Amino acid sequence: MTYEQLQSIIPNDELHCISDCGQFFEDNEIPDSIYSDNEFIVFSNTVEYLTDTLNKLMANKVPFQVHYDELGLEYIVI
């Protein structure tokens, strides 16, 4: 799935490329290789309504995982 396709599914959410989030992974002591099969990340504090985002991803059969950072905030790996 391309950035544009995913952004069309969740247009009001801030979508990030995993390759651009090295500092986040370093701060949370997450090995770079753990998400090597994923391309995108969405942080819960950059979405309008997290439940809506998750529902849209599920409705469009977009595979994703929800994880928590060191502060307990959710992030979605796609």
C-alpha atoms as a PDB file:
ATOM      1  CA  MET A   1       0.000   0.000   0.000  1.00  0.00           C
ATOM      2  CA  THR A   2       1.330   3.410  -0.915  1.00  0.00           C
ATOM      3  CA  TYR A   3       1.405   6.519   1.224  1.00  0.00           C
ATOM      4  CA  GLU A   4      -1.298   8.101  -0.950  1.00  0.00           C
ATOM      5  CA  GLN A   5      -3.603   5.074  -0.688  1.00  0.00           C
ATOM      6  CA  LEU A   6      -3.250   4.927   3.070  1.00  0.00           C
ATOM      7  CA  GLN A   7      -3.697   8.682   3.440  1.00  0.00           C
ATOM      8  CA  SER A   8      -6.938   8.442   1.450  1.00  0.00           C
ATOM      9  CA  ILE A   9      -8.240   5.913   4.013  1.00  0.00           C
ATOM     10  CA  ILE A  10      -7.255   8.016   7.035  1.00  0.00           C
ATOM     11  CA  PRO A  11      -7.181  11.560   5.590  1.00  0.00           C
ATOM     12  CA  ASN A  12      -7.366  13.423   8.918  1.00  0.00           C
ATOM     13  CA  ASP A  13      -4.488  11.543  10.532  1.00  0.00           C
ATOM     14  CA  GLU A  14      -0.803  12.358  10.409  1.00  0.00           C
ATOM     15  CA  LEU A  15       0.949   9.473   8.685  1.00  0.00           C
ATOM     16  CA  HIS A  16       4.712   8.966   9.127  1.00  0.00           C
ATOM     17  CA  CYS A  17       7.213   6.751   7.339  1.00  0.00           C
ATOM     18  CA  ILE A  18       8.927   4.398   9.762  1.00  0.00           C
ATOM     19  CA  SER A  19      12.256   5.176   8.124  1.00  0.00           C
ATOM     20  CA  ASP A  20      11.871   8.793   9.317  1.00  0.00           C
ATOM     21  CA  CYS A  21      11.166   7.878  12.963  1.00  0.00           C
ATOM     22  CA  GLY A  22      14.585   6.711  14.135  1.00  0.00           C
ATOM     23  CA  GLN A  23      14.625   9.047  17.125  1.00  0.00           C
ATOM     24  CA  PHE A  24      11.255   7.716  18.327  1.00  0.00           C
ATOM     25  CA  PHE A  25      12.548   4.137  18.217  1.00  0.00           C
ATOM     26  CA  GLU A  26      15.786   5.142  19.917  1.00  0.00           C
ATOM     27  CA  ASP A  27      13.940   7.032  22.680  1.00  0.00           C
ATOM     28  CA  ASN A  28      11.714   4.007  23.305  1.00  0.00           C
ATOM     29  CA  GLU A  29      14.595   1.513  23.054  1.00  0.00           C
ATOM     30  CA  ILE A  30      12.938  -0.330  20.182  1.00  0.00           C
ATOM     31  CA  PRO A  31      15.320  -2.121  17.784  1.00  0.00           C
ATOM     32  CA  ASP A  32      15.179  -0.692  14.249  1.00  0.00           C
ATOM     33  CA  SER A  33      14.682  -4.155  12.785  1.00  0.00           C
ATOM     34  CA  ILE A  34      11.532  -4.986  14.750  1.00  0.00           C
ATOM     35  CA  TYR A  35       9.296  -3.234  12.199  1.00  0.00           C
ATOM     36  CA  SER A  36      11.311  -4.060   9.081  1.00  0.00           C
ATOM     37  CA  ASP A  37       8.181  -5.476   7.380  1.00  0.00           C
ATOM     38  CA  ASN A  38       6.206  -2.283   8.028  1.00  0.00           C
ATOM     39  CA  GLU A  39       6.364   1.077   6.280  1.00  0.00           C
ATOM     40  CA  PHE A  40       4.178   3.509   8.192  1.00  0.00           C
ATOM     41  CA  ILE A  41       3.412   4.642  11.710  1.00  0.00           C
ATOM     42  CA  VAL A  42       0.578   6.726  13.157  1.00  0.00           C
ATOM     43  CA  PHE A  43       0.903   8.215  16.629  1.00  0.00           C
ATOM     44  CA  SER A  44      -2.268   8.384  18.725  1.00  0.00           C
ATOM     45  CA  ASN A  45      -1.645  12.014  19.608  1.00  0.00           C
ATOM     46  CA  THR A  46      -1.750  12.975  15.892  1.00  0.00           C
ATOM     47  CA  VAL A  47      -5.193  11.559  15.098  1.00  0.00           C
ATOM     48  CA  GLU A  48      -8.593  13.123  15.608  1.00  0.00           C
ATOM     49  CA  TYR A  49     -10.258  10.005  17.041  1.00  0.00           C
ATOM     50  CA  LEU A  50      -8.224   6.821  17.482  1.00  0.00           C
ATOM     51  CA  THR A  51     -11.205   4.458  17.448  1.00  0.00           C
ATOM     52  CA  ASP A  52     -12.306   5.908  14.100  1.00  0.00           C
ATOM     53  CA  THR A  53      -8.800   5.429  12.691  1.00  0.00           C
ATOM     54  CA  LEU A  54      -8.706   1.795  13.809  1.00  0.00           C
ATOM     55  CA  ASN A  55     -12.188   1.153  12.396  1.00  0.00           C
ATOM     56  CA  LYS A  56     -11.218   2.639   9.026  1.00  0.00           C
ATOM     57  CA  LEU A  57      -8.089   0.489   8.855  1.00  0.00           C
ATOM     58  CA  MET A  58     -10.085  -2.648   9.713  1.00  0.00           C
ATOM     59  CA  ALA A  59     -12.882  -1.810   7.250  1.00  0.00           C
ATOM     60  CA  ASN A  60     -10.304  -1.478   4.476  1.00  0.00           C
ATOM     61  CA  LYS A  61      -8.499  -4.654   5.562  1.00  0.00           C
ATOM     62  CA  VAL A  62      -5.246  -2.800   6.200  1.00  0.00           C
ATOM     63  CA  PRO A  63      -2.980  -4.957   8.385  1.00  0.00           C
ATOM     64  CA  PHE A  64      -1.736  -3.068  11.435  1.00  0.00           C
ATOM     65  CA  GLN A  65      -0.475  -3.500  14.988  1.00  0.00           C
ATOM     66  CA  VAL A  66      -1.111  -1.289  17.998  1.00  0.00           C
ATOM     67  CA  HIS A  67       1.749  -0.766  20.462  1.00  0.00           C
ATOM     68  CA  TYR A  68       2.497   1.553  23.377  1.00  0.00           C
ATOM     69  CA  ASP A  69       5.449   3.898  23.824  1.00  0.00           C
ATOM     70  CA  GLU A  70       7.354   4.592  27.056  1.00  0.00           C
ATOM     71  CA  LEU A  71       4.649   7.045  28.176  1.00  0.00           C
ATOM     72  CA  GLY A  72       1.815   4.587  27.533  1.00  0.00           C
ATOM     73  CA  LEU A  73       0.642   6.369  24.388  1.00  0.00           C
ATOM     74  CA  GLU A  74      -0.572   4.199  21.542  1.00  0.00           C
ATOM     75  CA  TYR A  75       0.976   4.087  18.102  1.00  0.00           C
ATOM     76  CA  ILE A  76      -0.149   2.117  15.078  1.00  0.00           C
ATOM     77  CA  VAL A  77       2.342   0.317  12.892  1.00  0.00           C
ATOM     78  CA  ILE A  78       1.173  -0.348   9.335  1.00  0.00           C
END
